[in-house]
Amino acid sequence: MKKNLIFLLAVCLYSQRTNAQDLFTVIKVSGNIIIERTGFALGTGTSFAQNENLLFKIPESRAAVINPDRGRFLLTSENLTDFRNYKSNYLPSAGKISTRALSVNMAIKDLKDHFEGNYFILNETGLKIDTTVYPMSDNRFFYITYNYANRAINKKLAFNYDTLFLKKNELLAVDGKLIPDSSISEMALMYLVAGESYTATPVCVFTPVFPDYIVLGQEISVILDQINKKSYNEKYNEISAFINEFYGKVDDANLERWLQENFGLRE
């Protein structure tokens, strides 16, 4: 009986201490991070107190976590102590949040800068191209090339006036079947000019990132639930920054449209 009372008292004291702390909710985890007290792994939607001791089973693990009042934080083994001890109302930023452009429909002038690195591709991505730099017609067009099963796969990209389209189901179709996106680690964007001869100019090389929409939807739902009282721009900038940190570069116009269609997020 006495042991039971001691146990209940300890639980109550911990509960009071936890309630006095800010609770953070996990958006996404890369790697394996364990709550030492419970032995449970952090995962999307997990809430934990700021003062919890976390074990990084894989040293390079990281977690995006968020609190309605204190914002979003990128948690790593290197900044765990700072995170636990930080007392200010605002934690250091999770990373630079790029302010939403005043116009997300401006033409892309530097395609290399836009694509290079990890590039986040929705099922259908439409990109407005600066046609003074890259005119598009039957004789001037872009194509994607990549290697699959020791074969060079070339995919001409559809366009409409100044808008170039990247469509997952077309990019990954080989011999009439969709290949796993995980099997493609690199794609090259090429610009071809046809005439008496053909001139193919490399534009850039990038790593395509095709999201799992169920997982991505859960992650974005956590962000929106935690900052539901914030402005449209604040919500959009948090989502955009999170995608940049964990997935790759993302085109603003396409992300805005996708968020509106799937989450009703609009100005």
C-alpha atoms as a PDB file:
ATOM      1  CA  MET A   1       0.000   0.000   0.000  1.00  0.00           C
ATOM      2  CA  LYS A   2       2.777   2.389   0.988  1.00  0.00           C
ATOM      3  CA  LYS A   3       4.649   1.645  -2.266  1.00  0.00           C
ATOM      4  CA  ASN A   4       1.494   2.363  -4.276  1.00  0.00           C
ATOM      5  CA  LEU A   5       1.070   5.718  -2.547  1.00  0.00           C
ATOM      6  CA  ILE A   6       4.676   6.632  -3.265  1.00  0.00           C
ATOM      7  CA  PHE A   7       4.237   5.665  -6.908  1.00  0.00           C
ATOM      8  CA  LEU A   8       1.046   7.742  -7.248  1.00  0.00           C
ATOM      9  CA  LEU A   9       2.713  10.681  -5.567  1.00  0.00           C
ATOM     10  CA  ALA A  10       5.638  10.471  -7.996  1.00  0.00           C
ATOM     11  CA  VAL A  11       3.251  10.351 -10.955  1.00  0.00           C
ATOM     12  CA  CYS A  12       1.365  13.395  -9.660  1.00  0.00           C
ATOM     13  CA  LEU A  13       4.568  15.351  -9.098  1.00  0.00           C
ATOM     14  CA  TYR A  14       5.799  14.517 -12.586  1.00  0.00           C
ATOM     15  CA  SER A  15       2.429  15.500 -14.038  1.00  0.00           C
ATOM     16  CA  GLN A  16       2.533  18.845 -12.261  1.00  0.00           C
ATOM     17  CA  ARG A  17       6.078  19.452 -13.456  1.00  0.00           C
ATOM     18  CA  THR A  18       5.126  18.528 -17.003  1.00  0.00           C
ATOM     19  CA  ASN A  19       2.081  20.785 -16.987  1.00  0.00           C
ATOM     20  CA  ALA A  20       4.311  23.617 -15.863  1.00  0.00           C
ATOM     21  CA  GLN A  21       6.507  23.087 -18.889  1.00  0.00           C
ATOM     22  CA  ASP A  22       5.763  23.841 -22.514  1.00  0.00           C
ATOM     23  CA  LEU A  23       4.616  20.804 -24.460  1.00  0.00           C
ATOM     24  CA  PHE A  24       6.066  20.353 -27.923  1.00  0.00           C
ATOM     25  CA  THR A  25       4.506  18.253 -30.672  1.00  0.00           C
ATOM     26  CA  VAL A  26       6.600  16.362 -33.209  1.00  0.00           C
ATOM     27  CA  ILE A  27       6.088  17.207 -36.871  1.00  0.00           C
ATOM     28  CA  LYS A  28       8.639  14.789 -38.311  1.00  0.00           C
ATOM     29  CA  VAL A  29      11.572  12.665 -37.191  1.00  0.00           C
ATOM     30  CA  SER A  30      14.530  11.632 -39.292  1.00  0.00           C
ATOM     31  CA  GLY A  31      16.399   8.824 -37.548  1.00  0.00           C
ATOM     32  CA  ASN A  32      15.554   7.434 -34.106  1.00  0.00           C
ATOM     33  CA  ILE A  33      14.973   9.531 -30.968  1.00  0.00           C
ATOM     34  CA  ILE A  34      13.717   7.946 -27.730  1.00  0.00           C
ATOM     35  CA  ILE A  35      12.092   9.504 -24.658  1.00  0.00           C
ATOM     36  CA  GLU A  36      14.331   8.086 -21.921  1.00  0.00           C
ATOM     37  CA  ARG A  37      11.602   8.085 -19.229  1.00  0.00           C
ATOM     38  CA  THR A  38       9.137   5.992 -21.234  1.00  0.00           C
ATOM     39  CA  GLY A  39      11.295   4.237 -23.815  1.00  0.00           C
ATOM     40  CA  PHE A  40       8.938   5.381 -26.570  1.00  0.00           C
ATOM     41  CA  ALA A  41      10.248   6.727 -29.866  1.00  0.00           C
ATOM     42  CA  LEU A  42       9.294  10.179 -31.077  1.00  0.00           C
ATOM     43  CA  GLY A  43       6.982  10.180 -34.068  1.00  0.00           C
ATOM     44  CA  THR A  44       4.657  12.530 -35.906  1.00  0.00           C
ATOM     45  CA  GLY A  45       2.031  13.776 -33.435  1.00  0.00           C
ATOM     46  CA  THR A  46       3.961  12.777 -30.286  1.00  0.00           C
ATOM     47  CA  SER A  47       3.836  15.436 -27.545  1.00  0.00           C
ATOM     48  CA  PHE A  48       6.533  15.733 -24.914  1.00  0.00           C
ATOM     49  CA  ALA A  49       7.666  18.190 -22.251  1.00  0.00           C
ATOM     50  CA  GLN A  50      10.560  20.473 -22.985  1.00  0.00           C
ATOM     51  CA  ASN A  51      12.544  19.101 -20.041  1.00  0.00           C
ATOM     52  CA  GLU A  52      12.306  15.448 -21.137  1.00  0.00           C
ATOM     53  CA  ASN A  53      15.620  13.686 -21.623  1.00  0.00           C
ATOM     54  CA  LEU A  54      15.857  12.386 -25.168  1.00  0.00           C
ATOM     55  CA  LEU A  55      18.185   9.651 -26.400  1.00  0.00           C
ATOM     56  CA  PHE A  56      19.501   9.957 -29.952  1.00  0.00           C
ATOM     57  CA  LYS A  57      19.933   6.325 -30.984  1.00  0.00           C
ATOM     58  CA  ILE A  58      21.332   7.512 -34.282  1.00  0.00           C
ATOM     59  CA  PRO A  59      23.612  10.511 -33.675  1.00  0.00           C
ATOM     60  CA  GLU A  60      22.535  12.286 -36.880  1.00  0.00           C
ATOM     61  CA  SER A  61      18.827  12.051 -35.981  1.00  0.00           C
ATOM     62  CA  ARG A  62      16.780  15.227 -35.985  1.00  0.00           C
ATOM     63  CA  ALA A  63      13.200  16.184 -35.255  1.00  0.00           C
ATOM     64  CA  ALA A  64      11.035  19.112 -36.241  1.00  0.00           C
ATOM     65  CA  VAL A  65       8.928  20.044 -33.200  1.00  0.00           C
ATOM     66  CA  ILE A  66       6.442  22.842 -32.622  1.00  0.00           C
ATOM     67  CA  ASN A  67       4.667  24.680 -29.818  1.00  0.00           C
ATOM     68  CA  PRO A  68       1.711  27.047 -30.425  1.00  0.00           C
ATOM     69  CA  ASP A  69       3.337  29.923 -28.517  1.00  0.00           C
ATOM     70  CA  ARG A  70       7.036  29.248 -28.854  1.00  0.00           C
ATOM     71  CA  GLY A  71       7.214  28.256 -32.471  1.00  0.00           C
ATOM     72  CA  ARG A  72       8.981  25.554 -34.462  1.00  0.00           C
ATOM     73  CA  PHE A  73      12.367  24.120 -33.557  1.00  0.00           C
ATOM     74  CA  LEU A  74      14.767  21.759 -35.311  1.00  0.00           C
ATOM     75  CA  LEU A  75      15.969  19.437 -32.571  1.00  0.00           C
ATOM     76  CA  THR A  76      19.345  17.645 -32.847  1.00  0.00           C
ATOM     77  CA  SER A  77      21.729  15.915 -30.468  1.00  0.00           C
ATOM     78  CA  GLU A  78      23.932  19.011 -30.601  1.00  0.00           C
ATOM     79  CA  ASN A  79      21.270  21.479 -29.444  1.00  0.00           C
ATOM     80  CA  LEU A  80      19.284  19.228 -27.072  1.00  0.00           C
ATOM     81  CA  THR A  81      20.783  20.786 -23.926  1.00  0.00           C
ATOM     82  CA  ASP A  82      20.037  24.302 -25.150  1.00  0.00           C
ATOM     83  CA  PHE A  83      16.495  23.258 -26.040  1.00  0.00           C
ATOM     84  CA  ARG A  84      15.817  21.764 -22.589  1.00  0.00           C
ATOM     85  CA  ASN A  85      17.232  24.751 -20.723  1.00  0.00           C
ATOM     86  CA  TYR A  86      15.859  27.572 -22.844  1.00  0.00           C
ATOM     87  CA  LYS A  87      13.554  29.757 -20.722  1.00  0.00           C
ATOM     88  CA  SER A  88      12.624  32.550 -23.101  1.00  0.00           C
ATOM     89  CA  ASN A  89       9.131  32.795 -24.559  1.00  0.00           C
ATOM     90  CA  TYR A  90      10.654  32.261 -27.980  1.00  0.00           C
ATOM     91  CA  LEU A  91      13.040  29.495 -28.899  1.00  0.00           C
ATOM     92  CA  PRO A  92      15.746  30.106 -31.486  1.00  0.00           C
ATOM     93  CA  SER A  93      14.367  29.710 -34.993  1.00  0.00           C
ATOM     94  CA  ALA A  94      14.224  26.211 -36.470  1.00  0.00           C
ATOM     95  CA  GLY A  95      15.943  27.650 -39.496  1.00  0.00           C
ATOM     96  CA  LYS A  96      15.656  30.616 -41.756  1.00  0.00           C
ATOM     97  CA  ILE A  97      12.032  30.951 -42.798  1.00  0.00           C
ATOM     98  CA  SER A  98      11.903  32.437 -46.259  1.00  0.00           C
ATOM     99  CA  THR A  99       9.265  35.132 -46.433  1.00  0.00           C
ATOM    100  CA  ARG A 100       6.547  34.356 -48.927  1.00  0.00           C
ATOM    101  CA  ALA A 101       7.109  36.240 -52.139  1.00  0.00           C
ATOM    102  CA  LEU A 102       4.755  39.095 -52.925  1.00  0.00           C
ATOM    103  CA  SER A 103       4.107  37.434 -56.272  1.00  0.00           C
ATOM    104  CA  VAL A 104       4.472  33.680 -56.564  1.00  0.00           C
ATOM    105  CA  ASN A 105       3.682  33.829 -60.281  1.00  0.00           C
ATOM    106  CA  MET A 106       6.897  35.500 -61.395  1.00  0.00           C
ATOM    107  CA  ALA A 107       8.831  33.728 -64.120  1.00  0.00           C
ATOM    108  CA  ILE A 108      11.856  31.686 -63.055  1.00  0.00           C
ATOM    109  CA  LYS A 109      14.991  33.291 -64.447  1.00  0.00           C
ATOM    110  CA  ASP A 110      17.666  31.034 -62.920  1.00  0.00           C
ATOM    111  CA  LEU A 111      16.605  27.415 -63.422  1.00  0.00           C
ATOM    112  CA  LYS A 112      19.863  26.047 -62.021  1.00  0.00           C
ATOM    113  CA  ASP A 113      19.326  27.880 -58.732  1.00  0.00           C
ATOM    114  CA  HIS A 114      15.655  26.845 -58.680  1.00  0.00           C
ATOM    115  CA  PHE A 115      16.287  23.108 -59.118  1.00  0.00           C
ATOM    116  CA  GLU A 116      19.785  22.226 -57.953  1.00  0.00           C
ATOM    117  CA  GLY A 117      19.980  20.055 -54.819  1.00  0.00           C
ATOM    118  CA  ASN A 118      16.945  18.184 -53.467  1.00  0.00           C
ATOM    119  CA  TYR A 119      13.853  19.286 -55.396  1.00  0.00           C
ATOM    120  CA  PHE A 120      10.352  18.601 -54.074  1.00  0.00           C
ATOM    121  CA  ILE A 121       7.948  17.576 -56.862  1.00  0.00           C
ATOM    122  CA  LEU A 122       4.180  17.372 -56.415  1.00  0.00           C
ATOM    123  CA  ASN A 123       2.170  15.032 -58.648  1.00  0.00           C
ATOM    124  CA  GLU A 124       1.933  17.830 -61.196  1.00  0.00           C
ATOM    125  CA  THR A 125       4.186  20.867 -60.962  1.00  0.00           C
ATOM    126  CA  GLY A 126       3.749  23.807 -63.338  1.00  0.00           C
ATOM    127  CA  LEU A 127       6.632  26.271 -63.573  1.00  0.00           C
ATOM    128  CA  LYS A 128       6.465  29.670 -65.231  1.00  0.00           C
ATOM    129  CA  ILE A 129       9.614  30.030 -67.346  1.00  0.00           C
ATOM    130  CA  ASP A 130      11.326  33.210 -68.499  1.00  0.00           C
ATOM    131  CA  THR A 131      10.877  32.664 -72.244  1.00  0.00           C
ATOM    132  CA  THR A 132      13.286  35.469 -73.103  1.00  0.00           C
ATOM    133  CA  VAL A 133      15.966  33.115 -71.785  1.00  0.00           C
ATOM    134  CA  TYR A 134      14.388  29.786 -72.741  1.00  0.00           C
ATOM    135  CA  PRO A 135      11.776  30.153 -75.511  1.00  0.00           C
ATOM    136  CA  MET A 136       9.585  27.062 -75.844  1.00  0.00           C
ATOM    137  CA  SER A 137       8.149  25.705 -79.092  1.00  0.00           C
ATOM    138  CA  ASP A 138       8.073  22.495 -81.109  1.00  0.00           C
ATOM    139  CA  ASN A 139      11.741  23.042 -81.917  1.00  0.00           C
ATOM    140  CA  ARG A 140      12.846  24.413 -78.544  1.00  0.00           C
ATOM    141  CA  PHE A 141      11.895  22.464 -75.466  1.00  0.00           C
ATOM    142  CA  PHE A 142      13.062  20.958 -72.169  1.00  0.00           C
ATOM    143  CA  TYR A 143      13.502  17.312 -71.360  1.00  0.00           C
ATOM    144  CA  ILE A 144      14.552  15.288 -68.327  1.00  0.00           C
ATOM    145  CA  THR A 145      17.121  12.531 -68.547  1.00  0.00           C
ATOM    146  CA  TYR A 146      18.080   9.931 -65.940  1.00  0.00           C
ATOM    147  CA  ASN A 147      19.516   6.432 -65.676  1.00  0.00           C
ATOM    148  CA  TYR A 148      17.380   3.434 -64.804  1.00  0.00           C
ATOM    149  CA  ALA A 149      18.417  -0.226 -64.989  1.00  0.00           C
ATOM    150  CA  ASN A 150      21.530   0.747 -66.964  1.00  0.00           C
ATOM    151  CA  ARG A 151      19.414   2.629 -69.503  1.00  0.00           C
ATOM    152  CA  ALA A 152      19.230   6.317 -70.325  1.00  0.00           C
ATOM    153  CA  ILE A 153      15.610   7.473 -69.971  1.00  0.00           C
ATOM    154  CA  ASN A 154      14.653  10.711 -71.749  1.00  0.00           C
ATOM    155  CA  LYS A 155      11.366  12.482 -71.062  1.00  0.00           C
ATOM    156  CA  LYS A 156      10.218  15.494 -73.088  1.00  0.00           C
ATOM    157  CA  LEU A 157       8.418  17.925 -70.789  1.00  0.00           C
ATOM    158  CA  ALA A 158       5.006  19.267 -71.730  1.00  0.00           C
ATOM    159  CA  PHE A 159       4.506  23.029 -71.827  1.00  0.00           C
ATOM    160  CA  ASN A 160       1.794  25.585 -72.505  1.00  0.00           C
ATOM    161  CA  TYR A 161       3.011  28.998 -73.619  1.00  0.00           C
ATOM    162  CA  ASP A 162       5.406  29.990 -70.809  1.00  0.00           C
ATOM    163  CA  THR A 163       4.518  27.201 -68.353  1.00  0.00           C
ATOM    164  CA  LEU A 164       6.588  24.031 -68.098  1.00  0.00           C
ATOM    165  CA  PHE A 165       5.046  20.902 -66.534  1.00  0.00           C
ATOM    166  CA  LEU A 166       6.677  18.167 -64.463  1.00  0.00           C
ATOM    167  CA  LYS A 167       4.275  15.263 -64.017  1.00  0.00           C
ATOM    168  CA  LYS A 168       5.297  12.386 -61.792  1.00  0.00           C
ATOM    169  CA  ASN A 169       3.337   9.742 -63.728  1.00  0.00           C
ATOM    170  CA  GLU A 170       5.014  10.785 -66.966  1.00  0.00           C
ATOM    171  CA  LEU A 171       8.502  11.230 -65.568  1.00  0.00           C
ATOM    172  CA  LEU A 172       8.533   7.779 -63.964  1.00  0.00           C
ATOM    173  CA  ALA A 173       6.800   5.840 -66.745  1.00  0.00           C
ATOM    174  CA  VAL A 174       9.158   3.315 -68.337  1.00  0.00           C
ATOM    175  CA  ASP A 175       7.882   0.744 -70.832  1.00  0.00           C
ATOM    176  CA  GLY A 176       4.307   1.565 -69.833  1.00  0.00           C
ATOM    177  CA  LYS A 177       4.882   0.981 -66.113  1.00  0.00           C
ATOM    178  CA  LEU A 178       5.614   3.321 -63.209  1.00  0.00           C
ATOM    179  CA  ILE A 179       9.007   2.689 -61.693  1.00  0.00           C
ATOM    180  CA  PRO A 180       9.688   3.283 -57.960  1.00  0.00           C
ATOM    181  CA  ASP A 181      10.737   6.891 -57.375  1.00  0.00           C
ATOM    182  CA  SER A 182      13.249   5.621 -54.809  1.00  0.00           C
ATOM    183  CA  SER A 183      15.259   4.064 -57.653  1.00  0.00           C
ATOM    184  CA  ILE A 184      16.041   7.498 -59.141  1.00  0.00           C
ATOM    185  CA  SER A 185      18.663   9.449 -57.242  1.00  0.00           C
ATOM    186  CA  GLU A 186      19.455  12.031 -59.889  1.00  0.00           C
ATOM    187  CA  MET A 187      17.812  13.756 -62.837  1.00  0.00           C
ATOM    188  CA  ALA A 188      19.241  16.217 -65.348  1.00  0.00           C
ATOM    189  CA  LEU A 189      17.235  19.038 -66.914  1.00  0.00           C
ATOM    190  CA  MET A 190      18.192  19.615 -70.547  1.00  0.00           C
ATOM    191  CA  TYR A 191      17.216  22.258 -73.120  1.00  0.00           C
ATOM    192  CA  LEU A 192      17.097  21.151 -76.730  1.00  0.00           C
ATOM    193  CA  VAL A 193      17.172  23.316 -79.851  1.00  0.00           C
ATOM    194  CA  ALA A 194      16.300  21.503 -83.064  1.00  0.00           C
ATOM    195  CA  GLY A 195      17.173  22.688 -86.559  1.00  0.00           C
ATOM    196  CA  GLU A 196      19.534  21.378 -89.168  1.00  0.00           C
ATOM    197  CA  SER A 197      21.255  19.818 -86.178  1.00  0.00           C
ATOM    198  CA  TYR A 198      20.249  19.168 -82.577  1.00  0.00           C
ATOM    199  CA  THR A 199      21.844  21.037 -79.688  1.00  0.00           C
ATOM    200  CA  ALA A 200      21.129  19.739 -76.195  1.00  0.00           C
ATOM    201  CA  THR A 201      22.353  22.043 -73.418  1.00  0.00           C
ATOM    202  CA  PRO A 202      22.561  20.852 -69.798  1.00  0.00           C
ATOM    203  CA  VAL A 203      20.681  23.219 -67.468  1.00  0.00           C
ATOM    204  CA  CYS A 204      21.185  21.558 -64.092  1.00  0.00           C
ATOM    205  CA  VAL A 205      21.293  18.287 -62.166  1.00  0.00           C
ATOM    206  CA  PHE A 206      19.008  17.704 -59.185  1.00  0.00           C
ATOM    207  CA  THR A 207      17.703  15.016 -56.836  1.00  0.00           C
ATOM    208  CA  PRO A 208      13.942  14.551 -57.282  1.00  0.00           C
ATOM    209  CA  VAL A 209      11.893  14.183 -54.099  1.00  0.00           C
ATOM    210  CA  PHE A 210       8.392  12.743 -54.514  1.00  0.00           C
ATOM    211  CA  PRO A 211       6.475  12.899 -51.211  1.00  0.00           C
ATOM    212  CA  ASP A 212       4.322  10.238 -49.583  1.00  0.00           C
ATOM    213  CA  TYR A 213       1.105  12.257 -49.432  1.00  0.00           C
ATOM    214  CA  ILE A 214      -0.332  10.411 -46.432  1.00  0.00           C
ATOM    215  CA  VAL A 215       2.803  11.106 -44.392  1.00  0.00           C
ATOM    216  CA  LEU A 216       3.117  14.679 -45.654  1.00  0.00           C
ATOM    217  CA  GLY A 217      -0.545  15.346 -44.886  1.00  0.00           C
ATOM    218  CA  GLN A 218      -0.076  14.192 -41.287  1.00  0.00           C
ATOM    219  CA  GLU A 219       2.964  16.429 -40.881  1.00  0.00           C
ATOM    220  CA  ILE A 220       1.271  19.519 -42.284  1.00  0.00           C
ATOM    221  CA  SER A 221      -1.813  18.836 -40.155  1.00  0.00           C
ATOM    222  CA  VAL A 222       0.368  18.979 -37.034  1.00  0.00           C
ATOM    223  CA  ILE A 223       1.755  22.364 -38.091  1.00  0.00           C
ATOM    224  CA  LEU A 224      -1.669  23.802 -38.875  1.00  0.00           C
ATOM    225  CA  ASP A 225      -3.225  22.442 -35.670  1.00  0.00           C
ATOM    226  CA  GLN A 226      -0.464  23.971 -33.568  1.00  0.00           C
ATOM    227  CA  ILE A 227      -0.559  27.435 -35.165  1.00  0.00           C
ATOM    228  CA  ASN A 228      -4.233  27.656 -36.124  1.00  0.00           C
ATOM    229  CA  LYS A 229      -4.501  31.232 -34.815  1.00  0.00           C
ATOM    230  CA  LYS A 230      -1.624  32.535 -36.902  1.00  0.00           C
ATOM    231  CA  SER A 231      -1.998  34.498 -40.145  1.00  0.00           C
ATOM    232  CA  TYR A 232      -2.027  32.902 -43.577  1.00  0.00           C
ATOM    233  CA  ASN A 233       1.504  34.084 -44.323  1.00  0.00           C
ATOM    234  CA  GLU A 234       2.834  32.722 -41.028  1.00  0.00           C
ATOM    235  CA  LYS A 235       1.213  29.336 -41.695  1.00  0.00           C
ATOM    236  CA  TYR A 236       2.492  29.198 -45.258  1.00  0.00           C
ATOM    237  CA  ASN A 237       6.024  30.249 -44.305  1.00  0.00           C
ATOM    238  CA  GLU A 238       6.220  27.601 -41.562  1.00  0.00           C
ATOM    239  CA  ILE A 239       5.090  24.853 -43.958  1.00  0.00           C
ATOM    240  CA  SER A 240       7.404  26.030 -46.738  1.00  0.00           C
ATOM    241  CA  ALA A 241      10.406  26.225 -44.378  1.00  0.00           C
ATOM    242  CA  PHE A 242       9.646  22.762 -42.974  1.00  0.00           C
ATOM    243  CA  ILE A 243       9.484  21.241 -46.478  1.00  0.00           C
ATOM    244  CA  ASN A 244      12.762  22.921 -47.408  1.00  0.00           C
ATOM    245  CA  GLU A 245      14.451  21.516 -44.292  1.00  0.00           C
ATOM    246  CA  PHE A 246      13.218  17.914 -44.575  1.00  0.00           C
ATOM    247  CA  TYR A 247      12.377  17.395 -48.250  1.00  0.00           C
ATOM    248  CA  GLY A 248      13.952  19.964 -50.552  1.00  0.00           C
ATOM    249  CA  LYS A 249      13.328  23.120 -52.523  1.00  0.00           C
ATOM    250  CA  VAL A 250       9.692  23.743 -53.367  1.00  0.00           C
ATOM    251  CA  ASP A 251       8.012  26.051 -55.854  1.00  0.00           C
ATOM    252  CA  ASP A 252       5.820  28.563 -54.021  1.00  0.00           C
ATOM    253  CA  ALA A 253       3.003  28.806 -56.562  1.00  0.00           C
ATOM    254  CA  ASN A 254       2.537  25.030 -56.735  1.00  0.00           C
ATOM    255  CA  LEU A 255       2.734  24.583 -52.972  1.00  0.00           C
ATOM    256  CA  GLU A 256       0.169  27.340 -52.396  1.00  0.00           C
ATOM    257  CA  ARG A 257      -2.230  25.741 -54.846  1.00  0.00           C
ATOM    258  CA  TRP A 258      -1.750  22.284 -53.322  1.00  0.00           C
ATOM    259  CA  LEU A 259      -2.346  23.568 -49.781  1.00  0.00           C
ATOM    260  CA  GLN A 260      -5.499  25.338 -50.890  1.00  0.00           C
ATOM    261  CA  GLU A 261      -6.852  22.245 -52.644  1.00  0.00           C
ATOM    262  CA  ASN A 262      -5.991  19.792 -49.862  1.00  0.00           C
ATOM    263  CA  PHE A 263      -6.211  21.840 -46.652  1.00  0.00           C
ATOM    264  CA  GLY A 264      -8.408  24.771 -47.613  1.00  0.00           C
ATOM    265  CA  LEU A 265      -5.521  27.091 -46.731  1.00  0.00           C
ATOM    266  CA  ARG A 266      -6.091  30.439 -48.398  1.00  0.00           C
ATOM    267  CA  GLU A 267      -5.631  34.122 -47.708  1.00  0.00           C
END
